[in-house]
Amino acid sequence: MLYITIPGCGYRLLDHFTLPEDTWWVEYYEPLQERIDQLRQTYRHNDEALAELANEQQEIDLYRKYQRWYGSAFFLMQKA
C-alpha cells in the first residue's frame, strides 16, 4: 500500500526502516511515565489536570498491551 501511496504523492522511495520496540520505551514512554507520576503529585487536588494525565496514561497502557500489533517506520523519500 505504501509503495503505491508514495509515488502517488510525487515521491520515490529510497529506503525505509522500522524502529526497534525498545526505542519507544527508553526514549519516550519511560520518561513520559516518570513525568506523569510527578505531575499527579503536583496536581493531586486538580481534577481537570488529573483527567488530562489519565488520557496520557491511557496511551502508555495501550502501547504496553498492544505493542506487538503496531510500530513505527521511517521512510526516506525523494521528490520525483
N, C-alpha and C. Protein backbone atom coordinates (compact mmCIF):
# COMPACT_ATOMS: atom_id res chain seq x y z
N MET A 1 0.82 -1.19 0.00
CA MET A 1 0.00 0.00 0.00
C MET A 1 0.86 1.26 0.00
N LEU A 2 1.88 1.31 0.87
CA LEU A 2 2.74 2.49 0.93
C LEU A 2 3.49 2.71 -0.37
N TYR A 3 3.84 1.61 -1.03
CA TYR A 3 4.58 1.74 -2.27
C TYR A 3 3.73 2.35 -3.37
N ILE A 4 2.43 2.26 -3.23
CA ILE A 4 1.51 2.90 -4.17
C ILE A 4 1.29 4.35 -3.75
N THR A 5 1.15 4.61 -2.47
CA THR A 5 0.87 5.94 -1.96
C THR A 5 2.04 6.89 -2.15
N ILE A 6 3.25 6.44 -1.89
CA ILE A 6 4.43 7.29 -2.00
C ILE A 6 4.58 7.83 -3.43
N PRO A 7 4.61 6.98 -4.45
CA PRO A 7 4.69 7.52 -5.81
C PRO A 7 3.47 8.37 -6.17
N GLY A 8 2.33 7.99 -5.65
CA GLY A 8 1.11 8.75 -5.92
C GLY A 8 1.16 10.17 -5.38
N CYS A 9 2.05 10.40 -4.42
CA CYS A 9 2.23 11.73 -3.84
C CYS A 9 3.42 12.47 -4.47
N GLY A 10 4.01 11.86 -5.48
CA GLY A 10 5.09 12.52 -6.19
C GLY A 10 6.48 12.26 -5.62
N TYR A 11 6.65 11.16 -4.89
CA TYR A 11 7.94 10.83 -4.30
C TYR A 11 8.43 9.47 -4.78
N ARG A 12 9.73 9.27 -4.63
CA ARG A 12 10.36 7.99 -4.92
C ARG A 12 10.92 7.46 -3.61
N LEU A 13 10.61 6.22 -3.28
CA LEU A 13 11.10 5.61 -2.05
C LEU A 13 12.55 5.21 -2.22
N LEU A 14 13.42 5.75 -1.36
CA LEU A 14 14.84 5.41 -1.40
C LEU A 14 15.18 4.29 -0.43
N ASP A 15 14.57 4.33 0.75
CA ASP A 15 14.85 3.31 1.76
C ASP A 15 13.82 3.46 2.89
N HIS A 16 13.79 2.48 3.77
CA HIS A 16 12.93 2.55 4.94
C HIS A 16 13.48 1.63 6.02
N PHE A 17 13.09 1.90 7.26
CA PHE A 17 13.47 1.02 8.37
C PHE A 17 12.43 1.13 9.48
N THR A 18 12.33 0.09 10.25
CA THR A 18 11.40 0.04 11.38
C THR A 18 12.16 0.35 12.66
N LEU A 19 11.57 1.18 13.50
CA LEU A 19 12.19 1.48 14.79
C LEU A 19 12.10 0.26 15.70
N PRO A 20 13.17 -0.03 16.43
CA PRO A 20 13.10 -1.13 17.40
C PRO A 20 12.11 -0.80 18.51
N GLU A 21 11.45 -1.81 19.01
CA GLU A 21 10.42 -1.64 20.05
C GLU A 21 10.95 -0.90 21.28
N ASP A 22 12.19 -1.21 21.69
CA ASP A 22 12.71 -0.59 22.91
C ASP A 22 12.94 0.91 22.76
N THR A 23 13.02 1.41 21.53
CA THR A 23 13.18 2.85 21.33
C THR A 23 12.00 3.60 21.92
N TRP A 24 10.81 3.07 21.69
CA TRP A 24 9.63 3.73 22.26
C TRP A 24 9.68 3.73 23.78
N TRP A 25 10.08 2.63 24.39
CA TRP A 25 10.12 2.58 25.86
C TRP A 25 11.18 3.50 26.42
N VAL A 26 12.41 3.34 25.95
CA VAL A 26 13.54 4.06 26.54
C VAL A 26 13.47 5.56 26.25
N GLU A 27 13.15 5.92 25.02
CA GLU A 27 13.22 7.32 24.61
C GLU A 27 11.92 8.09 24.82
N TYR A 28 10.80 7.40 24.95
CA TYR A 28 9.53 8.12 25.02
C TYR A 28 8.66 7.73 26.21
N TYR A 29 8.24 6.48 26.27
CA TYR A 29 7.25 6.10 27.27
C TYR A 29 7.78 6.09 28.71
N GLU A 30 9.00 5.65 28.94
CA GLU A 30 9.53 5.67 30.31
C GLU A 30 9.68 7.10 30.84
N PRO A 31 10.27 8.04 30.08
CA PRO A 31 10.32 9.42 30.56
C PRO A 31 8.91 10.03 30.73
N LEU A 32 8.02 9.70 29.81
CA LEU A 32 6.65 10.20 29.92
C LEU A 32 5.98 9.67 31.18
N GLN A 33 6.16 8.40 31.48
CA GLN A 33 5.58 7.81 32.69
C GLN A 33 6.12 8.50 33.94
N GLU A 34 7.42 8.75 33.97
CA GLU A 34 8.02 9.44 35.12
C GLU A 34 7.40 10.83 35.30
N ARG A 35 7.24 11.54 34.19
CA ARG A 35 6.68 12.90 34.27
C ARG A 35 5.22 12.86 34.70
N ILE A 36 4.45 11.93 34.19
CA ILE A 36 3.05 11.80 34.61
C ILE A 36 2.98 11.53 36.11
N ASP A 37 3.82 10.65 36.60
CA ASP A 37 3.83 10.34 38.03
C ASP A 37 4.15 11.58 38.87
N GLN A 38 5.10 12.38 38.41
CA GLN A 38 5.45 13.62 39.11
C GLN A 38 4.27 14.60 39.10
N LEU A 39 3.67 14.77 37.93
CA LEU A 39 2.57 15.73 37.81
C LEU A 39 1.33 15.29 38.57
N ARG A 40 1.13 14.00 38.72
CA ARG A 40 -0.01 13.53 39.53
C ARG A 40 0.12 14.01 40.97
N GLN A 41 1.34 14.04 41.48
CA GLN A 41 1.56 14.55 42.84
C GLN A 41 1.37 16.06 42.89
N THR A 42 1.92 16.75 41.91
CA THR A 42 1.82 18.21 41.87
C THR A 42 0.36 18.66 41.78
N TYR A 43 -0.42 17.98 40.97
CA TYR A 43 -1.81 18.38 40.71
C TYR A 43 -2.83 17.44 41.35
N ARG A 44 -2.46 16.84 42.44
CA ARG A 44 -3.33 15.84 43.07
C ARG A 44 -4.70 16.40 43.50
N HIS A 45 -4.82 17.72 43.62
CA HIS A 45 -6.10 18.32 44.02
C HIS A 45 -6.80 19.01 42.84
N ASN A 46 -6.30 18.79 41.64
CA ASN A 46 -6.85 19.44 40.46
C ASN A 46 -7.44 18.36 39.54
N ASP A 47 -8.76 18.20 39.60
CA ASP A 47 -9.43 17.14 38.84
C ASP A 47 -9.24 17.28 37.33
N GLU A 48 -9.22 18.50 36.82
CA GLU A 48 -9.05 18.72 35.38
C GLU A 48 -7.66 18.27 34.93
N ALA A 49 -6.65 18.63 35.69
CA ALA A 49 -5.28 18.22 35.35
C ALA A 49 -5.14 16.70 35.46
N LEU A 50 -5.73 16.11 36.48
CA LEU A 50 -5.65 14.66 36.64
C LEU A 50 -6.34 13.92 35.50
N ALA A 51 -7.42 14.49 34.98
CA ALA A 51 -8.11 13.89 33.84
C ALA A 51 -7.21 13.91 32.60
N GLU A 52 -6.49 15.00 32.38
CA GLU A 52 -5.56 15.08 31.25
C GLU A 52 -4.43 14.07 31.41
N LEU A 53 -3.93 13.94 32.62
CA LEU A 53 -2.87 12.97 32.87
C LEU A 53 -3.36 11.54 32.66
N ALA A 54 -4.62 11.29 32.99
CA ALA A 54 -5.21 9.96 32.77
C ALA A 54 -5.26 9.65 31.27
N ASN A 55 -5.54 10.67 30.45
CA ASN A 55 -5.54 10.47 28.99
C ASN A 55 -4.16 10.07 28.50
N GLU A 56 -3.14 10.73 29.01
CA GLU A 56 -1.77 10.39 28.63
C GLU A 56 -1.40 8.99 29.11
N GLN A 57 -1.84 8.65 30.31
CA GLN A 57 -1.56 7.33 30.86
C GLN A 57 -2.20 6.24 30.00
N GLN A 58 -3.36 6.54 29.46
CA GLN A 58 -4.07 5.57 28.62
C GLN A 58 -3.23 5.21 27.39
N GLU A 59 -2.54 6.19 26.81
CA GLU A 59 -1.68 5.90 25.66
C GLU A 59 -0.57 4.92 26.04
N ILE A 60 0.05 5.14 27.18
CA ILE A 60 1.11 4.24 27.64
C ILE A 60 0.55 2.85 27.88
N ASP A 61 -0.58 2.78 28.53
CA ASP A 61 -1.20 1.48 28.83
C ASP A 61 -1.58 0.72 27.56
N LEU A 62 -2.10 1.44 26.57
CA LEU A 62 -2.47 0.79 25.30
C LEU A 62 -1.23 0.28 24.57
N TYR A 63 -0.16 1.07 24.58
CA TYR A 63 1.05 0.60 23.93
C TYR A 63 1.61 -0.63 24.64
N ARG A 64 1.60 -0.59 25.95
CA ARG A 64 2.08 -1.74 26.73
C ARG A 64 1.29 -3.01 26.37
N LYS A 65 -0.01 -2.87 26.25
CA LYS A 65 -0.88 -4.02 25.99
C LYS A 65 -0.81 -4.50 24.54
N TYR A 66 -0.68 -3.58 23.59
CA TYR A 66 -0.80 -3.95 22.18
C TYR A 66 0.47 -3.70 21.36
N GLN A 67 1.61 -3.56 22.00
CA GLN A 67 2.83 -3.20 21.28
C GLN A 67 3.23 -4.20 20.20
N ARG A 68 2.79 -5.43 20.32
CA ARG A 68 3.13 -6.42 19.28
C ARG A 68 2.37 -6.19 17.98
N TRP A 69 1.32 -5.40 18.02
CA TRP A 69 0.46 -5.22 16.85
C TRP A 69 0.71 -3.92 16.09
N TYR A 70 1.56 -3.07 16.58
CA TYR A 70 1.87 -1.88 15.80
C TYR A 70 3.26 -1.36 16.14
N GLY A 71 3.77 -0.48 15.30
CA GLY A 71 5.09 0.07 15.49
C GLY A 71 5.26 1.30 14.61
N SER A 72 6.50 1.72 14.46
CA SER A 72 6.78 2.91 13.66
C SER A 72 7.88 2.62 12.66
N ALA A 73 7.77 3.26 11.53
CA ALA A 73 8.77 3.10 10.49
C ALA A 73 9.13 4.48 9.94
N PHE A 74 10.34 4.61 9.45
CA PHE A 74 10.79 5.82 8.78
C PHE A 74 11.01 5.50 7.31
N PHE A 75 10.63 6.45 6.48
CA PHE A 75 10.77 6.30 5.04
C PHE A 75 11.62 7.45 4.50
N LEU A 76 12.64 7.12 3.76
CA LEU A 76 13.49 8.10 3.10
C LEU A 76 13.00 8.23 1.66
N MET A 77 12.55 9.43 1.33
CA MET A 77 11.95 9.65 0.00
C MET A 77 12.62 10.81 -0.69
N GLN A 78 12.47 10.83 -1.99
CA GLN A 78 13.00 11.92 -2.81
C GLN A 78 11.90 12.40 -3.73
N LYS A 79 11.78 13.72 -3.86
CA LYS A 79 10.79 14.27 -4.77
C LYS A 79 11.07 13.77 -6.17
N ALA A 80 10.04 13.23 -6.80
CA ALA A 80 10.23 12.64 -8.16
C ALA A 80 10.41 13.72 -9.20
